Amino acid sequence: MQDKHVPVIDLHYWLVFAAATLFGSGAGDLISERLALWHFHVFHLPLLAVVLIAILVAETADTSPTRAWYWLAITVIPMASNDLAASSAVYFGVSRLWVFGGIAVLLVVAYLMVRSDAMHLVAMSLMERPQPAVPLTDACYWLAMVLASTLGTVAADFCMFSLGLGPGRTSVILTPLLLTMYFLSGRRETNRVLAYWLMVVVLNSATTATGRFLARDPSLGLDLPMSVVLTGAVLAVLLLLRPRRPSAPRTR
């Protein structure tokens, strides 16, 4: 992605990221349910892959300074990660613990391989550079984002279903962990690149659990379509409230 299309990493970034993944997770479930009614659910993942590729290709031709392309991609990824997590654990009968371990290994290997090359998984040497910084959103970055999102979804599913905690208790457990990760990511002595990806994983776990809680808990009086509308409205408000500031230079 072009530098001018990528937001800086600050508190507003993480708030929009959380709203986008929350909305995307719920919207993905809603689309999947509708496709299942028409017996087209097998096309859900390929369709989302095409949409994500189309977003990344279309972005290259846009000369405006909009961040919409980045947030569109971030919104689509959790739609796919829900299916990727469920496909292994439910359809293929693989234990969620093994799925979690396998995806974690893939993410770590990708991180180490790319860090040893001229390219960087996230081109922001945050240990050496001051805030704000922006990610280098190349192909490696988006691959890692899909892996991290799926890893977070599997972790949430493991807590909710395998451990029997349910969406509500899982959200309560993950929220302090998410706040801790955010605090650590801003400290100079922290490996901020590693903290960034851990934050993405934990945030996806928390939003997956929160989204299920909003859509399924009868005490709230919401159903899946209503929760999608609600989270979509929150996302829209956060995007409209984007702080005006100059874009940060890409760091290497």
Protein backbone atom coordinates (compact mmCIF):
# COMPACT_ATOMS: atom_id res chain seq x y z
CA MET A 1 0.00 0.00 0.00
CA GLN A 2 1.03 3.60 -0.57
CA ASP A 3 2.31 5.44 2.51
CA LYS A 4 -0.43 8.06 2.33
CA HIS A 5 -3.12 5.36 2.59
CA VAL A 6 -1.75 3.86 5.83
CA PRO A 7 -2.70 5.36 9.23
CA VAL A 8 -0.17 6.03 11.97
CA ILE A 9 -0.14 3.66 14.94
CA ASP A 10 -1.59 5.48 17.94
CA LEU A 11 -4.56 5.13 20.27
CA HIS A 12 -7.02 6.09 17.52
CA TYR A 13 -5.48 3.43 15.25
CA TRP A 14 -6.14 0.69 17.82
CA LEU A 15 -9.67 1.91 18.53
CA VAL A 16 -10.55 1.81 14.83
CA PHE A 17 -8.74 -1.52 14.47
CA ALA A 18 -10.86 -2.99 17.27
CA ALA A 19 -14.09 -1.62 15.78
CA ALA A 20 -13.15 -2.85 12.29
CA THR A 21 -12.35 -6.39 13.48
CA LEU A 22 -15.49 -6.46 15.64
CA PHE A 23 -17.65 -5.36 12.72
CA GLY A 24 -15.84 -7.62 10.25
CA SER A 25 -16.17 -10.68 12.48
CA GLY A 26 -19.92 -10.17 12.89
CA ALA A 27 -20.47 -9.31 9.24
CA GLY A 28 -18.53 -12.44 8.24
CA ASP A 29 -20.78 -14.61 10.41
CA LEU A 30 -23.86 -12.94 8.97
CA ILE A 31 -22.75 -13.42 5.37
CA SER A 32 -21.76 -17.02 6.08
CA GLU A 33 -25.18 -17.77 7.58
CA ARG A 34 -26.98 -16.27 4.59
CA LEU A 35 -24.82 -18.19 2.12
CA ALA A 36 -25.44 -21.40 4.09
CA LEU A 37 -29.20 -20.90 3.65
CA TRP A 38 -28.64 -20.90 -0.11
CA HIS A 39 -26.09 -23.75 0.12
CA PHE A 40 -23.35 -21.41 -1.15
CA HIS A 41 -21.26 -21.32 2.05
CA VAL A 42 -18.43 -23.16 0.29
CA PHE A 43 -17.82 -19.97 -1.73
CA HIS A 44 -17.43 -17.74 1.34
CA LEU A 45 -13.66 -18.00 1.72
CA PRO A 46 -12.81 -17.78 -2.02
CA LEU A 47 -15.12 -14.79 -2.32
CA LEU A 48 -13.43 -12.98 0.54
CA ALA A 49 -10.00 -13.77 -0.89
CA VAL A 50 -11.04 -12.19 -4.19
CA VAL A 51 -12.46 -9.14 -2.37
CA LEU A 52 -9.25 -8.65 -0.35
CA ILE A 53 -7.05 -8.94 -3.44
CA ALA A 54 -9.34 -6.53 -5.31
CA ILE A 55 -9.03 -3.98 -2.48
CA LEU A 56 -5.23 -4.19 -2.49
CA VAL A 57 -5.06 -3.92 -6.29
CA ALA A 58 -7.55 -1.03 -6.52
CA GLU A 59 -5.65 0.87 -3.82
CA THR A 60 -2.55 1.11 -6.02
CA ALA A 61 -4.47 3.20 -8.56
CA ASP A 62 -5.90 5.66 -6.02
CA THR A 63 -3.97 8.92 -5.77
CA SER A 64 -6.05 10.42 -2.95
CA PRO A 65 -4.76 10.43 0.66
CA THR A 66 -7.67 8.32 1.97
CA ARG A 67 -7.11 5.60 4.59
CA ALA A 68 -10.28 3.81 3.50
CA TRP A 69 -8.42 1.09 1.57
CA TYR A 70 -6.41 0.09 4.64
CA TRP A 71 -9.48 -0.12 6.87
CA LEU A 72 -11.46 -1.99 4.21
CA ALA A 73 -8.72 -4.65 4.13
CA ILE A 74 -8.59 -4.81 7.93
CA THR A 75 -12.38 -5.28 8.00
CA VAL A 76 -12.40 -8.08 5.41
CA ILE A 77 -9.63 -10.14 7.05
CA PRO A 78 -11.59 -11.14 10.21
CA MET A 79 -14.47 -12.21 7.95
CA ALA A 80 -12.10 -14.76 6.45
CA SER A 81 -10.29 -15.67 9.67
CA ASN A 82 -13.54 -16.89 11.24
CA ASP A 83 -13.91 -19.41 8.43
CA LEU A 84 -10.24 -20.38 8.47
CA ALA A 85 -10.40 -21.08 12.20
CA ALA A 86 -13.67 -23.01 11.98
CA SER A 87 -12.58 -25.03 8.92
CA SER A 88 -9.69 -26.63 10.77
CA ALA A 89 -11.32 -27.09 14.16
CA VAL A 90 -14.85 -28.03 13.12
CA TYR A 91 -14.93 -29.32 9.56
CA PHE A 92 -11.61 -31.20 9.66
CA GLY A 93 -11.82 -32.27 13.30
CA VAL A 94 -8.41 -30.90 14.30
CA SER A 95 -8.05 -29.87 17.93
CA ARG A 96 -8.11 -26.10 18.40
CA LEU A 97 -4.95 -26.36 20.48
CA TRP A 98 -3.09 -27.92 17.53
CA VAL A 99 -4.53 -25.33 15.14
CA PHE A 100 -3.42 -22.55 17.50
CA GLY A 101 0.09 -24.02 17.77
CA GLY A 102 0.39 -24.53 14.01
CA ILE A 103 -0.65 -20.99 13.11
CA ALA A 104 1.56 -19.55 15.88
CA VAL A 105 4.56 -21.40 14.44
CA LEU A 106 3.77 -20.09 10.94
CA LEU A 107 3.54 -16.53 12.24
CA VAL A 108 6.81 -16.79 14.19
CA VAL A 109 8.62 -18.36 11.21
CA ALA A 110 7.35 -15.62 8.90
CA TYR A 111 8.43 -12.98 11.43
CA LEU A 112 11.95 -14.41 11.78
CA MET A 113 12.45 -15.05 8.05
CA VAL A 114 11.34 -11.62 6.96
CA ARG A 115 13.26 -9.86 9.73
CA SER A 116 16.44 -11.55 8.46
CA ASP A 117 15.89 -10.24 4.93
CA ALA A 118 15.93 -6.79 3.37
CA MET A 119 12.13 -6.71 3.67
CA HIS A 120 10.41 -6.31 7.02
CA LEU A 121 7.15 -7.81 8.18
CA VAL A 122 6.37 -4.43 9.70
CA ALA A 123 8.85 -1.85 8.47
CA MET A 124 9.01 0.16 11.63
CA SER A 125 12.09 -0.25 13.76
CA LEU A 126 10.05 0.93 16.68
CA MET A 127 12.78 0.05 19.13
CA GLU A 128 14.89 2.82 17.55
CA ARG A 129 12.34 5.26 16.14
CA PRO A 130 9.95 7.54 18.02
CA GLN A 131 6.20 7.41 17.62
CA PRO A 132 4.25 7.82 15.42
CA ALA A 133 5.13 5.07 12.96
CA VAL A 134 3.30 3.35 10.14
CA PRO A 135 3.41 -0.28 9.02
CA LEU A 136 4.99 -1.23 5.70
CA THR A 137 1.93 -2.86 4.22
CA ASP A 138 3.53 -5.20 1.69
CA ALA A 139 2.44 -8.74 0.82
CA CYS A 140 4.26 -10.15 3.87
CA TYR A 141 2.37 -7.76 6.13
CA TRP A 142 -1.04 -8.83 4.83
CA LEU A 143 -0.12 -12.51 5.02
CA ALA A 144 0.96 -11.99 8.62
CA MET A 145 -2.27 -10.08 9.32
CA VAL A 146 -4.36 -13.03 8.09
CA LEU A 147 -2.32 -15.44 10.23
CA ALA A 148 -2.52 -13.20 13.31
CA SER A 149 -6.26 -12.67 12.88
CA THR A 150 -6.87 -16.41 12.50
CA LEU A 151 -4.64 -17.14 15.49
CA GLY A 152 -6.68 -14.73 17.60
CA THR A 153 -9.96 -16.27 16.46
CA VAL A 154 -8.76 -19.79 17.27
CA ALA A 155 -7.62 -18.63 20.72
CA ALA A 156 -11.04 -17.08 21.39
CA ASP A 157 -12.83 -20.22 20.17
CA PHE A 158 -10.61 -22.37 22.38
CA CYS A 159 -11.52 -20.30 25.45
CA MET A 160 -15.23 -20.07 24.59
CA PHE A 161 -15.88 -23.64 23.49
CA SER A 162 -13.02 -25.97 24.41
CA LEU A 163 -12.63 -24.50 27.92
CA GLY A 164 -16.35 -23.75 28.20
CA LEU A 165 -15.87 -20.14 29.32
CA GLY A 166 -18.39 -18.71 26.89
CA PRO A 167 -18.16 -15.34 25.10
CA GLY A 168 -18.86 -13.15 28.16
CA ARG A 169 -16.21 -14.58 30.47
CA THR A 170 -13.70 -14.83 27.62
CA SER A 171 -14.17 -11.11 26.91
CA VAL A 172 -13.67 -10.27 30.59
CA ILE A 173 -10.45 -12.34 30.72
CA LEU A 174 -9.01 -10.94 27.48
CA THR A 175 -9.74 -7.25 28.09
CA PRO A 176 -7.08 -6.75 30.84
CA LEU A 177 -4.59 -8.67 28.68
CA LEU A 178 -5.39 -6.36 25.76
CA LEU A 179 -4.87 -3.25 27.91
CA THR A 180 -1.56 -4.67 29.18
CA MET A 181 -0.37 -5.30 25.62
CA TYR A 182 -1.28 -1.74 24.63
CA PHE A 183 0.66 -0.35 27.60
CA LEU A 184 3.73 -2.47 26.77
CA SER A 185 3.63 -1.56 23.07
CA GLY A 186 4.19 2.10 23.92
CA ARG A 187 7.25 1.61 26.13
CA ARG A 188 10.67 2.26 24.64
CA GLU A 189 12.29 -0.79 26.24
CA THR A 190 9.71 -3.08 24.64
CA ASN A 191 10.32 -4.80 21.30
CA ARG A 192 7.51 -2.84 19.68
CA VAL A 193 7.43 -4.88 16.49
CA LEU A 194 6.76 -8.05 18.48
CA ALA A 195 4.34 -6.14 20.72
CA TYR A 196 2.46 -4.94 17.62
CA TRP A 197 1.76 -8.48 16.41
CA LEU A 198 0.91 -9.75 19.87
CA MET A 199 -1.52 -6.83 20.15
CA VAL A 200 -3.13 -7.82 16.82
CA VAL A 201 -3.57 -11.43 18.02
CA VAL A 202 -5.02 -10.49 21.41
CA LEU A 203 -7.25 -7.81 19.91
CA ASN A 204 -8.70 -10.29 17.42
CA SER A 205 -9.34 -12.74 20.27
CA ALA A 206 -11.09 -10.10 22.34
CA THR A 207 -13.23 -8.79 19.48
CA THR A 208 -14.22 -12.32 18.43
CA ALA A 209 -15.46 -13.08 21.94
CA THR A 210 -17.12 -9.68 22.32
CA GLY A 211 -18.85 -10.02 18.96
CA ARG A 212 -20.27 -13.42 19.90
CA PHE A 213 -21.41 -12.01 23.23
CA LEU A 214 -23.20 -9.07 21.58
CA ALA A 215 -24.90 -11.25 18.99
CA ARG A 216 -25.80 -14.31 21.06
CA ASP A 217 -26.40 -13.24 24.65
CA PRO A 218 -30.18 -13.05 25.22
CA SER A 219 -29.85 -10.56 28.09
CA LEU A 220 -28.74 -7.87 25.64
CA GLY A 221 -31.74 -8.28 23.36
CA LEU A 222 -29.58 -8.11 20.23
CA ASP A 223 -29.35 -10.56 17.37
CA LEU A 224 -26.55 -10.93 14.82
CA PRO A 225 -27.89 -8.39 12.25
CA MET A 226 -28.50 -5.79 14.96
CA SER A 227 -25.05 -6.26 16.46
CA VAL A 228 -23.48 -5.85 13.01
CA VAL A 229 -25.38 -2.59 12.49
CA LEU A 230 -24.35 -1.37 15.95
CA THR A 231 -20.65 -2.17 15.52
CA GLY A 232 -20.72 -0.74 12.00
CA ALA A 233 -22.08 2.53 13.39
CA VAL A 234 -19.32 2.64 16.01
CA LEU A 235 -16.72 2.06 13.29
CA ALA A 236 -18.18 4.86 11.15
CA VAL A 237 -18.13 7.31 14.07
CA LEU A 238 -14.51 6.48 14.91
CA LEU A 239 -13.46 6.96 11.29
CA LEU A 240 -15.22 10.33 11.15
CA LEU A 241 -13.45 11.39 14.35
CA ARG A 242 -10.01 10.74 12.86
CA PRO A 243 -7.58 13.28 14.35
CA ARG A 244 -6.06 15.72 11.89
CA ARG A 245 -2.32 15.27 11.82
CA PRO A 246 0.41 14.92 9.24
CA SER A 247 1.24 11.41 8.08
CA ALA A 248 4.27 9.78 9.68
CA PRO A 249 7.18 8.85 7.45
CA ARG A 250 7.72 5.18 6.80
CA THR A 251 10.43 3.80 9.04
CA ARG A 252 12.90 1.09 8.21
